[in-house]
Amino acid sequence: MKAERFAAMLLLYVPLTAQWLTYKTPGIPRTPDGKPDLSAAAPRTAEGKPDLSGIWRASGGPYNRNIAVDLKPEEIQPWAREIYWQRVFNLGADSPRALCLPDPPPTYHLNGMARIVRRPR
């Protein structure tokens, strides 16, 4: 009995991969080597609007948490600087996550991967 429990516990630690990570989204223009063609026009919905469906990944880098990292203090407007420091000091207490709301799309992109699914309605 102990050996069966041990085997079952070992199986809990087997890493699993998400199947959709290797799934190629239909309709994405691709280069001859199969990679997404980033120079192609954006795919459109039936209504003619840009279709953002698919898997999106953060690029990382210094802009992950501060898009103004390259700006000098005098290049930031005073009202924006005030809001920034207010949010730093209150530790994001007014963020959607702190209010038990879904994260906005930029947060997903700053923290790894996100999948956008568009429905007709």
PDB file of N, CA and C in Angstrom:
ATOM      1  N   MET A   1       0.826  -1.198   0.000  1.00  0.00           N
ATOM      2  CA  MET A   1       0.000   0.000   0.000  1.00  0.00           C
ATOM      3  C   MET A   1       0.864   1.252   0.000  1.00  0.00           C
ATOM      4  N   LYS A   2       1.959   1.230   0.781  1.00  0.00           N
ATOM      5  CA  LYS A   2       2.837   2.384   0.858  1.00  0.00           C
ATOM      6  C   LYS A   2       3.491   2.664  -0.494  1.00  0.00           C
ATOM      7  N   ALA A   3       3.883   1.614  -1.192  1.00  0.00           N
ATOM      8  CA  ALA A   3       4.527   1.787  -2.496  1.00  0.00           C
ATOM      9  C   ALA A   3       3.566   2.440  -3.492  1.00  0.00           C
ATOM     10  N   GLU A   4       2.288   2.086  -3.442  1.00  0.00           N
ATOM     11  CA  GLU A   4       1.302   2.674  -4.345  1.00  0.00           C
ATOM     12  C   GLU A   4       1.103   4.156  -4.044  1.00  0.00           C
ATOM     13  N   ARG A   5       1.069   4.490  -2.767  1.00  0.00           N
ATOM     14  CA  ARG A   5       0.921   5.908  -2.389  1.00  0.00           C
ATOM     15  C   ARG A   5       2.134   6.712  -2.848  1.00  0.00           C
ATOM     16  N   PHE A   6       3.329   6.095  -2.659  1.00  0.00           N
ATOM     17  CA  PHE A   6       4.550   6.766  -3.067  1.00  0.00           C
ATOM     18  C   PHE A   6       4.549   7.002  -4.574  1.00  0.00           C
ATOM     19  N   ALA A   7       4.145   6.011  -5.339  1.00  0.00           N
ATOM     20  CA  ALA A   7       4.085   6.140  -6.801  1.00  0.00           C
ATOM     21  C   ALA A   7       3.076   7.216  -7.202  1.00  0.00           C
ATOM     22  N   ALA A   8       1.946   7.245  -6.516  1.00  0.00           N
ATOM     23  CA  ALA A   8       0.924   8.260  -6.814  1.00  0.00           C
ATOM     24  C   ALA A   8       1.449   9.652  -6.509  1.00  0.00           C
ATOM     25  N   MET A   9       2.196   9.794  -5.407  1.00  0.00           N
ATOM     26  CA  MET A   9       2.759  11.098  -5.066  1.00  0.00           C
ATOM     27  C   MET A   9       3.798  11.534  -6.097  1.00  0.00           C
ATOM     28  N   LEU A  10       4.584  10.597  -6.595  1.00  0.00           N
ATOM     29  CA  LEU A  10       5.567  10.929  -7.624  1.00  0.00           C
ATOM     30  C   LEU A  10       4.890  11.459  -8.885  1.00  0.00           C
ATOM     31  N   LEU A  11       3.757  10.879  -9.222  1.00  0.00           N
ATOM     32  CA  LEU A  11       3.043  11.325 -10.414  1.00  0.00           C
ATOM     33  C   LEU A  11       2.532  12.752 -10.279  1.00  0.00           C
ATOM     34  N   LEU A  12       2.291  13.192  -9.057  1.00  0.00           N
ATOM     35  CA  LEU A  12       1.835  14.565  -8.844  1.00  0.00           C
ATOM     36  C   LEU A  12       2.894  15.578  -9.248  1.00  0.00           C
ATOM     37  N   TYR A  13       4.152  15.165  -9.237  1.00  0.00           N
ATOM     38  CA  TYR A  13       5.245  16.090  -9.538  1.00  0.00           C
ATOM     39  C   TYR A  13       5.705  16.027 -10.986  1.00  0.00           C
ATOM     40  N   VAL A  14       5.055  15.231 -11.812  1.00  0.00           N
ATOM     41  CA  VAL A  14       5.416  15.155 -13.225  1.00  0.00           C
ATOM     42  C   VAL A  14       4.985  16.451 -13.892  1.00  0.00           C
ATOM     43  N   PRO A  15       5.923  17.164 -14.520  1.00  0.00           N
ATOM     44  CA  PRO A  15       5.540  18.428 -15.164  1.00  0.00           C
ATOM     45  C   PRO A  15       4.633  18.179 -16.366  1.00  0.00           C
ATOM     46  N   LEU A  16       3.627  18.991 -16.483  1.00  0.00           N
ATOM     47  CA  LEU A  16       2.703  18.901 -17.604  1.00  0.00           C
ATOM     48  C   LEU A  16       2.874  20.136 -18.478  1.00  0.00           C
ATOM     49  N   THR A  17       2.689  19.974 -19.767  1.00  0.00           N
ATOM     50  CA  THR A  17       2.778  21.119 -20.671  1.00  0.00           C
ATOM     51  C   THR A  17       1.399  21.427 -21.203  1.00  0.00           C
ATOM     52  N   ALA A  18       1.146  22.677 -21.400  1.00  0.00           N
ATOM     53  CA  ALA A  18      -0.154  23.090 -21.937  1.00  0.00           C
ATOM     54  C   ALA A  18      -0.177  22.810 -23.430  1.00  0.00           C
ATOM     55  N   GLN A  19      -1.196  22.133 -23.883  1.00  0.00           N
ATOM     56  CA  GLN A  19      -1.259  21.745 -25.290  1.00  0.00           C
ATOM     57  C   GLN A  19      -1.384  22.935 -26.223  1.00  0.00           C
ATOM     58  N   TRP A  20      -2.041  24.006 -25.801  1.00  0.00           N
ATOM     59  CA  TRP A  20      -2.260  25.112 -26.716  1.00  0.00           C
ATOM     60  C   TRP A  20      -1.009  25.909 -26.999  1.00  0.00           C
ATOM     61  N   LEU A  21       0.069  25.715 -26.227  1.00  0.00           N
ATOM     62  CA  LEU A  21       1.296  26.458 -26.496  1.00  0.00           C
ATOM     63  C   LEU A  21       1.925  26.042 -27.821  1.00  0.00           C
ATOM     64  N   THR A  22       1.706  24.808 -28.242  1.00  0.00           N
ATOM     65  CA  THR A  22       2.277  24.356 -29.504  1.00  0.00           C
ATOM     66  C   THR A  22       1.263  24.425 -30.644  1.00  0.00           C
ATOM     67  N   TYR A  23       0.050  24.819 -30.349  1.00  0.00           N
ATOM     68  CA  TYR A  23      -0.998  24.912 -31.355  1.00  0.00           C
ATOM     69  C   TYR A  23      -0.814  26.180 -32.175  1.00  0.00           C
ATOM     70  N   LYS A  24      -0.742  26.048 -33.482  1.00  0.00           N
ATOM     71  CA  LYS A  24      -0.596  27.210 -34.354  1.00  0.00           C
ATOM     72  C   LYS A  24      -1.971  27.784 -34.651  1.00  0.00           C
ATOM     73  N   THR A  25      -2.181  29.011 -34.206  1.00  0.00           N
ATOM     74  CA  THR A  25      -3.469  29.667 -34.380  1.00  0.00           C
ATOM     75  C   THR A  25      -3.771  29.835 -35.864  1.00  0.00           C
ATOM     76  N   PRO A  26      -4.932  29.353 -36.333  1.00  0.00           N
ATOM     77  CA  PRO A  26      -5.285  29.503 -37.744  1.00  0.00           C
ATOM     78  C   PRO A  26      -5.424  30.979 -38.115  1.00  0.00           C
ATOM     79  N   GLY A  27      -5.043  31.313 -39.336  1.00  0.00           N
ATOM     80  CA  GLY A  27      -5.211  32.673 -39.822  1.00  0.00           C
ATOM     81  C   GLY A  27      -4.023  33.578 -39.573  1.00  0.00           C
ATOM     82  N   ILE A  28      -3.026  33.113 -38.826  1.00  0.00           N
ATOM     83  CA  ILE A  28      -1.836  33.919 -38.574  1.00  0.00           C
ATOM     84  C   ILE A  28      -0.925  33.806 -39.797  1.00  0.00           C
ATOM     85  N   PRO A  29      -0.583  34.936 -40.412  1.00  0.00           N
ATOM     86  CA  PRO A  29       0.345  34.849 -41.554  1.00  0.00           C
ATOM     87  C   PRO A  29       1.715  34.375 -41.069  1.00  0.00           C
ATOM     88  N   ARG A  30       2.310  33.469 -41.836  1.00  0.00           N
ATOM     89  CA  ARG A  30       3.587  32.883 -41.419  1.00  0.00           C
ATOM     90  C   ARG A  30       4.641  33.013 -42.507  1.00  0.00           C
ATOM     91  N   THR A  31       5.894  33.047 -42.057  1.00  0.00           N
ATOM     92  CA  THR A  31       7.033  33.068 -42.981  1.00  0.00           C
ATOM     93  C   THR A  31       7.268  31.635 -43.460  1.00  0.00           C
ATOM     94  N   PRO A  32       8.114  31.434 -44.480  1.00  0.00           N
ATOM     95  CA  PRO A  32       8.360  30.073 -44.974  1.00  0.00           C
ATOM     96  C   PRO A  32       8.872  29.100 -43.908  1.00  0.00           C
ATOM     97  N   ASP A  33       9.543  29.614 -42.864  1.00  0.00           N
ATOM     98  CA  ASP A  33      10.040  28.716 -41.817  1.00  0.00           C
ATOM     99  C   ASP A  33       8.994  28.431 -40.742  1.00  0.00           C
ATOM    100  N   GLY A  34       7.767  28.941 -40.900  1.00  0.00           N
ATOM    101  CA  GLY A  34       6.674  28.637 -39.981  1.00  0.00           C
ATOM    102  C   GLY A  34       6.490  29.622 -38.843  1.00  0.00           C
ATOM    103  N   LYS A  35       7.364  30.617 -38.722  1.00  0.00           N
ATOM    104  CA  LYS A  35       7.233  31.609 -37.651  1.00  0.00           C
ATOM    105  C   LYS A  35       6.196  32.651 -38.059  1.00  0.00           C
ATOM    106  N   PRO A  36       5.541  33.307 -37.088  1.00  0.00           N
ATOM    107  CA  PRO A  36       4.589  34.370 -37.433  1.00  0.00           C
ATOM    108  C   PRO A  36       5.280  35.482 -38.211  1.00  0.00           C
ATOM    109  N   ASP A  37       4.625  35.949 -39.259  1.00  0.00           N
ATOM    110  CA  ASP A  37       5.167  37.030 -40.096  1.00  0.00           C
ATOM    111  C   ASP A  37       4.799  38.365 -39.454  1.00  0.00           C
ATOM    112  N   LEU A  38       5.736  38.960 -38.727  1.00  0.00           N
ATOM    113  CA  LEU A  38       5.472  40.193 -37.994  1.00  0.00           C
ATOM    114  C   LEU A  38       5.362  41.410 -38.900  1.00  0.00           C
ATOM    115  N   SER A  39       5.755  41.285 -40.172  1.00  0.00           N
ATOM    116  CA  SER A  39       5.633  42.416 -41.094  1.00  0.00           C
ATOM    117  C   SER A  39       4.320  42.383 -41.875  1.00  0.00           C
ATOM    118  N   ALA A  40       3.535  41.327 -41.696  1.00  0.00           N
ATOM    119  CA  ALA A  40       2.248  41.207 -42.400  1.00  0.00           C
ATOM    120  C   ALA A  40       1.214  42.132 -41.770  1.00  0.00           C
ATOM    121  N   ALA A  41       0.181  42.441 -42.520  1.00  0.00           N
ATOM    122  CA  ALA A  41      -0.920  43.258 -41.994  1.00  0.00           C
ATOM    123  C   ALA A  41      -1.620  42.502 -40.871  1.00  0.00           C
ATOM    124  N   ALA A  42      -2.152  43.248 -39.921  1.00  0.00           N
ATOM    125  CA  ALA A  42      -2.864  42.623 -38.796  1.00  0.00           C
ATOM    126  C   ALA A  42      -4.083  41.876 -39.309  1.00  0.00           C
ATOM    127  N   PRO A  43      -4.341  40.672 -38.786  1.00  0.00           N
ATOM    128  CA  PRO A  43      -5.560  39.953 -39.170  1.00  0.00           C
ATOM    129  C   PRO A  43      -6.792  40.776 -38.772  1.00  0.00           C
ATOM    130  N   ARG A  44      -7.867  40.620 -39.526  1.00  0.00           N
ATOM    131  CA  ARG A  44      -9.103  41.377 -39.272  1.00  0.00           C
ATOM    132  C   ARG A  44     -10.250  40.440 -38.967  1.00  0.00           C
ATOM    133  N   THR A  45     -11.180  40.949 -38.170  1.00  0.00           N
ATOM    134  CA  THR A  45     -12.398  40.207 -37.871  1.00  0.00           C
ATOM    135  C   THR A  45     -13.351  40.363 -39.051  1.00  0.00           C
ATOM    136  N   ALA A  46     -14.476  39.667 -38.994  1.00  0.00           N
ATOM    137  CA  ALA A  46     -15.486  39.787 -40.045  1.00  0.00           C
ATOM    138  C   ALA A  46     -16.012  41.222 -40.144  1.00  0.00           C
ATOM    139  N   GLU A  47     -15.945  41.953 -39.011  1.00  0.00           N
ATOM    140  CA  GLU A  47     -16.409  43.352 -38.996  1.00  0.00           C
ATOM    141  C   GLU A  47     -15.335  44.314 -39.484  1.00  0.00           C
ATOM    142  N   GLY A  48     -14.140  43.799 -39.790  1.00  0.00           N
ATOM    143  CA  GLY A  48     -13.062  44.645 -40.281  1.00  0.00           C
ATOM    144  C   GLY A  48     -12.183  45.241 -39.197  1.00  0.00           C
ATOM    145  N   LYS A  49     -12.392  44.851 -37.959  1.00  0.00           N
ATOM    146  CA  LYS A  49     -11.581  45.372 -36.860  1.00  0.00           C
ATOM    147  C   LYS A  49     -10.365  44.464 -36.647  1.00  0.00           C
ATOM    148  N   PRO A  50      -9.255  45.004 -36.091  1.00  0.00           N
ATOM    149  CA  PRO A  50      -8.086  44.145 -35.835  1.00  0.00           C
ATOM    150  C   PRO A  50      -8.452  42.995 -34.913  1.00  0.00           C
ATOM    151  N   ASP A  51      -7.999  41.809 -35.258  1.00  0.00           N
ATOM    152  CA  ASP A  51      -8.269  40.622 -34.461  1.00  0.00           C
ATOM    153  C   ASP A  51      -7.040  40.329 -33.604  1.00  0.00           C
ATOM    154  N   LEU A  52      -7.161  40.514 -32.299  1.00  0.00           N
ATOM    155  CA  LEU A  52      -6.044  40.306 -31.376  1.00  0.00           C
ATOM    156  C   LEU A  52      -6.040  38.916 -30.775  1.00  0.00           C
ATOM    157  N   SER A  53      -6.879  38.017 -31.294  1.00  0.00           N
ATOM    158  CA  SER A  53      -6.942  36.660 -30.766  1.00  0.00           C
ATOM    159  C   SER A  53      -5.591  35.983 -30.894  1.00  0.00           C
ATOM    160  N   GLY A  54      -5.278  35.174 -29.908  1.00  0.00           N
ATOM    161  CA  GLY A  54      -4.046  34.401 -29.960  1.00  0.00           C
ATOM    162  C   GLY A  54      -3.293  34.467 -28.662  1.00  0.00           C
ATOM    163  N   ILE A  55      -2.073  33.997 -28.698  1.00  0.00           N
ATOM    164  CA  ILE A  55      -1.224  33.960 -27.519  1.00  0.00           C
ATOM    165  C   ILE A  55      -0.266  35.145 -27.588  1.00  0.00           C
ATOM    166  N   TRP A  56      -0.206  35.888 -26.511  1.00  0.00           N
ATOM    167  CA  TRP A  56       0.654  37.067 -26.422  1.00  0.00           C
ATOM    168  C   TRP A  56       1.635  36.846 -25.286  1.00  0.00           C
ATOM    169  N   ARG A  57       2.871  37.255 -25.517  1.00  0.00           N
ATOM    170  CA  ARG A  57       3.918  37.061 -24.520  1.00  0.00           C
ATOM    171  C   ARG A  57       4.623  38.378 -24.251  1.00  0.00           C
ATOM    172  N   ALA A  58       4.966  38.610 -23.004  1.00  0.00           N
ATOM    173  CA  ALA A  58       5.694  39.825 -22.633  1.00  0.00           C
ATOM    174  C   ALA A  58       7.096  39.778 -23.214  1.00  0.00           C
ATOM    175  N   SER A  59       7.581  40.935 -23.601  1.00  0.00           N
ATOM    176  CA  SER A  59       8.934  41.003 -24.133  1.00  0.00           C
ATOM    177  C   SER A  59       9.966  41.121 -23.032  1.00  0.00           C
ATOM    178  N   GLY A  60       9.529  41.461 -21.833  1.00  0.00           N
ATOM    179  CA  GLY A  60      10.462  41.612 -20.715  1.00  0.00           C
ATOM    180  C   GLY A  60      11.258  42.902 -20.853  1.00  0.00           C
ATOM    181  N   GLY A  61      12.395  42.932 -20.251  1.00  0.00           N
ATOM    182  CA  GLY A  61      13.257  44.097 -20.347  1.00  0.00           C
ATOM    183  C   GLY A  61      12.945  45.148 -19.296  1.00  0.00           C
ATOM    184  N   PRO A  62      13.576  46.314 -19.434  1.00  0.00           N
ATOM    185  CA  PRO A  62      13.451  47.344 -18.399  1.00  0.00           C
ATOM    186  C   PRO A  62      12.068  47.981 -18.324  1.00  0.00           C
ATOM    187  N   TYR A  63      11.230  47.788 -19.335  1.00  0.00           N
ATOM    188  CA  TYR A  63       9.922  48.425 -19.356  1.00  0.00           C
ATOM    189  C   TYR A  63       8.850  47.580 -18.690  1.00  0.00           C
ATOM    190  N   ASN A  64       9.246  46.453 -18.128  1.00  0.00           N
ATOM    191  CA  ASN A  64       8.301  45.530 -17.519  1.00  0.00           C
ATOM    192  C   ASN A  64       7.402  46.188 -16.481  1.00  0.00           C
ATOM    193  N   ARG A  65       7.960  46.999 -15.620  1.00  0.00           N
ATOM    194  CA  ARG A  65       7.194  47.630 -14.559  1.00  0.00           C
ATOM    195  C   ARG A  65       7.156  49.150 -14.652  1.00  0.00           C
ATOM    196  N   ASN A  66       7.997  49.738 -15.487  1.00  0.00           N
ATOM    197  CA  ASN A  66       8.065  51.191 -15.570  1.00  0.00           C
ATOM    198  C   ASN A  66       8.338  51.601 -17.011  1.00  0.00           C
ATOM    199  N   ILE A  67       7.297  52.006 -17.722  1.00  0.00           N
ATOM    200  CA  ILE A  67       7.484  52.373 -19.127  1.00  0.00           C
ATOM    201  C   ILE A  67       8.235  53.684 -19.290  1.00  0.00           C
ATOM    202  N   ALA A  68       8.402  54.425 -18.214  1.00  0.00           N
ATOM    203  CA  ALA A  68       9.105  55.710 -18.264  1.00  0.00           C
ATOM    204  C   ALA A  68      10.547  55.578 -17.788  1.00  0.00           C
ATOM    205  N   VAL A  69      11.092  54.375 -17.783  1.00  0.00           N
ATOM    206  CA  VAL A  69      12.422  54.142 -17.237  1.00  0.00           C
ATOM    207  C   VAL A  69      13.496  54.980 -17.942  1.00  0.00           C
ATOM    208  N   ASP A  70      13.321  55.300 -19.208  1.00  0.00           N
ATOM    209  CA  ASP A  70      14.318  56.076 -19.957  1.00  0.00           C
ATOM    210  C   ASP A  70      14.146  57.582 -19.811  1.00  0.00           C
ATOM    211  N   LEU A  71      13.066  58.012 -19.191  1.00  0.00           N
ATOM    212  CA  LEU A  71      12.809  59.445 -19.077  1.00  0.00           C
ATOM    213  C   LEU A  71      13.540  60.053 -17.895  1.00  0.00           C
ATOM    214  N   LYS A  72      13.959  61.305 -18.086  1.00  0.00           N
ATOM    215  CA  LYS A  72      14.545  62.059 -16.973  1.00  0.00           C
ATOM    216  C   LYS A  72      13.395  62.622 -16.146  1.00  0.00           C
ATOM    217  N   PRO A  73      13.610  62.857 -14.851  1.00  0.00           N
ATOM    218  CA  PRO A  73      12.527  63.368 -13.998  1.00  0.00           C
ATOM    219  C   PRO A  73      11.850  64.618 -14.553  1.00  0.00           C
ATOM    220  N   GLU A  74      12.612  65.508 -15.167  1.00  0.00           N
ATOM    221  CA  GLU A  74      12.009  66.736 -15.702  1.00  0.00           C
ATOM    222  C   GLU A  74      11.163  66.491 -16.955  1.00  0.00           C
ATOM    223  N   GLU A  75      11.276  65.307 -17.551  1.00  0.00           N
ATOM    224  CA  GLU A  75      10.479  64.976 -18.737  1.00  0.00           C
ATOM    225  C   GLU A  75       9.114  64.392 -18.365  1.00  0.00           C
ATOM    226  N   ILE A  76       8.906  64.118 -17.088  1.00  0.00           N
ATOM    227  CA  ILE A  76       7.629  63.557 -16.635  1.00  0.00           C
ATOM    228  C   ILE A  76       6.775  64.676 -16.068  1.00  0.00           C
ATOM    229  N   GLN A  77       5.549  64.758 -16.534  1.00  0.00           N
ATOM    230  CA  GLN A  77       4.670  65.827 -16.062  1.00  0.00           C
ATOM    231  C   GLN A  77       4.402  65.651 -14.565  1.00  0.00           C
ATOM    232  N   PRO A  78       4.290  66.774 -13.839  1.00  0.00           N
ATOM    233  CA  PRO A  78       4.110  66.696 -12.381  1.00  0.00           C
ATOM    234  C   PRO A  78       2.922  65.849 -11.943  1.00  0.00           C
ATOM    235  N   TRP A  79       1.789  65.941 -12.633  1.00  0.00           N
ATOM    236  CA  TRP A  79       0.619  65.159 -12.231  1.00  0.00           C
ATOM    237  C   TRP A  79       0.886  63.674 -12.377  1.00  0.00           C
ATOM    238  N   ALA A  80       1.646  63.271 -13.415  1.00  0.00           N
ATOM    239  CA  ALA A  80       1.948  61.851 -13.621  1.00  0.00           C
ATOM    240  C   ALA A  80       2.922  61.358 -12.557  1.00  0.00           C
ATOM    241  N   ARG A  81       3.893  62.184 -12.207  1.00  0.00           N
ATOM    242  CA  ARG A  81       4.849  61.835 -11.162  1.00  0.00           C
ATOM    243  C   ARG A  81       4.137  61.651  -9.826  1.00  0.00           C
ATOM    244  N   GLU A  82       3.183  62.525  -9.547  1.00  0.00           N
ATOM    245  CA  GLU A  82       2.428  62.449  -8.289  1.00  0.00           C
ATOM    246  C   GLU A  82       1.628  61.138  -8.203  1.00  0.00           C
ATOM    247  N   ILE A  83       0.962  60.791  -9.297  1.00  0.00           N
ATOM    248  CA  ILE A  83       0.190  59.534  -9.325  1.00  0.00           C
ATOM    249  C   ILE A  83       1.112  58.332  -9.154  1.00  0.00           C
ATOM    250  N   TYR A  84       2.253  58.370  -9.845  1.00  0.00           N
ATOM    251  CA  TYR A  84       3.207  57.259  -9.739  1.00  0.00           C
ATOM    252  C   TYR A  84       3.624  57.038  -8.290  1.00  0.00           C
ATOM    253  N   TRP A  85       4.051  58.106  -7.610  1.00  0.00           N
ATOM    254  CA  TRP A  85       4.520  57.956  -6.233  1.00  0.00           C
ATOM    255  C   TRP A  85       3.384  57.592  -5.286  1.00  0.00           C
ATOM    256  N   GLN A  86       2.200  58.070  -5.571  1.00  0.00           N
ATOM    257  CA  GLN A  86       1.043  57.702  -4.750  1.00  0.00           C
ATOM    258  C   GLN A  86       0.817  56.190  -4.813  1.00  0.00           C
ATOM    259  N   ARG A  87       0.915  55.632  -6.005  1.00  0.00           N
ATOM    260  CA  ARG A  87       0.715  54.187  -6.169  1.00  0.00           C
ATOM    261  C   ARG A  87       1.858  53.374  -5.590  1.00  0.00           C
ATOM    262  N   VAL A  88       3.065  53.925  -5.645  1.00  0.00           N
ATOM    263  CA  VAL A  88       4.200  53.238  -5.025  1.00  0.00           C
ATOM    264  C   VAL A  88       3.989  53.168  -3.516  1.00  0.00           C
ATOM    265  N   PHE A  89       3.614  54.285  -2.902  1.00  0.00           N
ATOM    266  CA  PHE A  89       3.480  54.330  -1.446  1.00  0.00           C
ATOM    267  C   PHE A  89       2.269  53.555  -0.920  1.00  0.00           C
ATOM    268  N   ASN A  90       1.195  53.451  -1.723  1.00  0.00           N
ATOM    269  CA  ASN A  90       0.042  52.689  -1.225  1.00  0.00           C
ATOM    270  C   ASN A  90       0.095  51.222  -1.674  1.00  0.00           C
ATOM    271  N   LEU A  91       1.243  50.835  -2.251  1.00  0.00           N
ATOM    272  CA  LEU A  91       1.507  49.443  -2.655  1.00  0.00           C
ATOM    273  C   LEU A  91       0.436  48.885  -3.588  1.00  0.00           C
ATOM    274  N   GLY A  92      -0.090  49.735  -4.454  1.00  0.00           N
ATOM    275  CA  GLY A  92      -1.077  49.276  -5.429  1.00  0.00           C
ATOM    276  C   GLY A  92      -2.423  48.941  -4.837  1.00  0.00           C
ATOM    277  N   ALA A  93      -2.789  49.582  -3.726  1.00  0.00           N
ATOM    278  CA  ALA A  93      -4.054  49.267  -3.053  1.00  0.00           C
ATOM    279  C   ALA A  93      -5.266  49.543  -3.930  1.00  0.00           C
ATOM    280  N   ASP A  94      -5.115  50.391  -4.945  1.00  0.00           N
ATOM    281  CA  ASP A  94      -6.241  50.696  -5.837  1.00  0.00           C
ATOM    282  C   ASP A  94      -6.173  49.906  -7.138  1.00  0.00           C
ATOM    283  N   SER A  95      -5.283  48.914  -7.201  1.00  0.00           N
ATOM    284  CA  SER A  95      -5.171  48.111  -8.421  1.00  0.00           C
ATOM    285  C   SER A  95      -6.339  47.136  -8.518  1.00  0.00           C
ATOM    286  N   PRO A  96      -6.687  46.705  -9.726  1.00  0.00           N
ATOM    287  CA  PRO A  96      -7.785  45.739  -9.868  1.00  0.00           C
ATOM    288  C   PRO A  96      -7.570  44.472  -9.036  1.00  0.00           C
ATOM    289  N   ARG A  97      -6.337  43.990  -8.988  1.00  0.00           N
ATOM    290  CA  ARG A  97      -6.063  42.757  -8.241  1.00  0.00           C
ATOM    291  C   ARG A  97      -6.343  42.952  -6.745  1.00  0.00           C
ATOM    292  N   ALA A  98      -5.984  44.122  -6.202  1.00  0.00           N
ATOM    293  CA  ALA A  98      -6.225  44.399  -4.788  1.00  0.00           C
ATOM    294  C   ALA A  98      -7.717  44.497  -4.488  1.00  0.00           C
ATOM    295  N   LEU A  99      -8.509  44.825  -5.503  1.00  0.00           N
ATOM    296  CA  LEU A  99      -9.957  44.946  -5.333  1.00  0.00           C
ATOM    297  C   LEU A  99     -10.693  43.682  -5.774  1.00  0.00           C
ATOM    298  N   CYS A 100      -9.935  42.581  -5.959  1.00  0.00           N
ATOM    299  CA  CYS A 100     -10.489  41.284  -6.374  1.00  0.00           C
ATOM    300  C   CYS A 100     -11.195  41.357  -7.724  1.00  0.00           C
ATOM    301  N   LEU A 101     -10.666  42.168  -8.620  1.00  0.00           N
ATOM    302  CA  LEU A 101     -11.175  42.273  -9.985  1.00  0.00           C
ATOM    303  C   LEU A 101     -10.162  41.637 -10.927  1.00  0.00           C
ATOM    304  N   PRO A 102     -10.584  41.285 -12.145  1.00  0.00           N
ATOM    305  CA  PRO A 102      -9.614  40.713 -13.093  1.00  0.00           C
ATOM    306  C   PRO A 102      -8.533  41.735 -13.444  1.00  0.00           C
ATOM    307  N   ASP A 103      -7.339  41.224 -13.673  1.00  0.00           N
ATOM    308  CA  ASP A 103      -6.250  42.099 -14.101  1.00  0.00           C
ATOM    309  C   ASP A 103      -6.541  42.656 -15.489  1.00  0.00           C
ATOM    310  N   PRO A 104      -6.132  43.892 -15.762  1.00  0.00           N
ATOM    311  CA  PRO A 104      -6.288  44.435 -17.115  1.00  0.00           C
ATOM    312  C   PRO A 104      -5.261  43.779 -18.040  1.00  0.00           C
ATOM    313  N   PRO A 105      -5.516  43.785 -19.365  1.00  0.00           N
ATOM    314  CA  PRO A 105      -4.583  43.133 -20.295  1.00  0.00           C
ATOM    315  C   PRO A 105      -3.122  43.536 -20.143  1.00  0.00           C
ATOM    316  N   PRO A 106      -2.772  44.807 -19.906  1.00  0.00           N
ATOM    317  CA  PRO A 106      -1.337  45.098 -19.774  1.00  0.00           C
ATOM    318  C   PRO A 106      -0.671  44.313 -18.653  1.00  0.00           C
ATOM    319  N   THR A 107      -1.384  44.040 -17.582  1.00  0.00           N
ATOM    320  CA  THR A 107      -0.798  43.279 -16.481  1.00  0.00           C
ATOM    321  C   THR A 107      -0.456  41.877 -16.933  1.00  0.00           C
ATOM    322  N   TYR A 108      -1.326  41.272 -17.735  1.00  0.00           N
ATOM    323  CA  TYR A 108      -1.028  39.941 -18.240  1.00  0.00           C
ATOM    324  C   TYR A 108       0.246  39.959 -19.066  1.00  0.00           C
ATOM    325  N   HIS A 109       0.381  40.968 -19.895  1.00  0.00           N
ATOM    326  CA  HIS A 109       1.540  41.024 -20.782  1.00  0.00           C
ATOM    327  C   HIS A 109       2.819  41.301 -20.020  1.00  0.00           C
ATOM    328  N   LEU A 110       2.733  41.920 -18.875  1.00  0.00           N
ATOM    329  CA  LEU A 110       3.935  42.188 -18.091  1.00  0.00           C
ATOM    330  C   LEU A 110       4.366  40.971 -17.287  1.00  0.00           C
ATOM    331  N   ASN A 111       3.488  40.013 -17.137  1.00  0.00           N
ATOM    332  CA  ASN A 111       3.770  38.878 -16.269  1.00  0.00           C
ATOM    333  C   ASN A 111       3.873  37.545 -16.997  1.00  0.00           C
ATOM    334  N   GLY A 112       4.142  37.532 -18.256  1.00  0.00           N
ATOM    335  CA  GLY A 112       4.283  36.261 -18.955  1.00  0.00           C
ATOM    336  C   GLY A 112       3.416  36.189 -20.183  1.00  0.00           C
ATOM    337  N   MET A 113       2.620  35.133 -20.270  1.00  0.00           N
ATOM    338  CA  MET A 113       1.802  34.919 -21.459  1.00  0.00           C
ATOM    339  C   MET A 113       0.327  35.090 -21.160  1.00  0.00           C
ATOM    340  N   ALA A 114      -0.388  35.469 -22.204  1.00  0.00           N
ATOM    341  CA  ALA A 114      -1.841  35.580 -22.097  1.00  0.00           C
ATOM    342  C   ALA A 114      -2.444  35.091 -23.402  1.00  0.00           C
ATOM    343  N   ARG A 115      -3.630  34.580 -23.317  1.00  0.00           N
ATOM    344  CA  ARG A 115      -4.339  34.152 -24.521  1.00  0.00           C
ATOM    345  C   ARG A 115      -5.599  34.985 -24.632  1.00  0.00           C
ATOM    346  N   ILE A 116      -5.768  35.623 -25.767  1.00  0.00           N
ATOM    347  CA  ILE A 116      -6.958  36.429 -26.029  1.00  0.00           C
ATOM    348  C   ILE A 116      -7.881  35.616 -26.931  1.00  0.00           C
ATOM    349  N   VAL A 117      -9.099  35.442 -26.494  1.00  0.00           N
ATOM    350  CA  VAL A 117     -10.101  34.698 -27.261  1.00  0.00           C
ATOM    351  C   VAL A 117     -11.214  35.673 -27.584  1.00  0.00           C
ATOM    352  N   ARG A 118     -11.506  35.844 -28.859  1.00  0.00           N
ATOM    353  CA  ARG A 118     -12.564  36.749 -29.285  1.00  0.00           C
ATOM    354  C   ARG A 118     -13.802  35.942 -29.619  1.00  0.00           C
ATOM    355  N   ARG A 119     -14.918  36.375 -29.066  1.00  0.00           N
ATOM    356  CA  ARG A 119     -16.186  35.726 -29.351  1.00  0.00           C
ATOM    357  C   ARG A 119     -17.024  36.677 -30.178  1.00  0.00           C
ATOM    358  N   PRO A 120     -17.956  36.163 -30.982  1.00  0.00           N
ATOM    359  CA  PRO A 120     -18.762  37.032 -31.850  1.00  0.00           C
ATOM    360  C   PRO A 120     -19.505  38.136 -31.098  1.00  0.00           C
ATOM    361  N   ARG A 121     -19.958  37.858 -29.888  1.00  0.00           N
ATOM    362  CA  ARG A 121     -20.667  38.882 -29.143  1.00  0.00           C
ATOM    363  C   ARG A 121     -19.715  39.668 -28.304  1.00  0.00           C
TER     364      ARG A 121
END
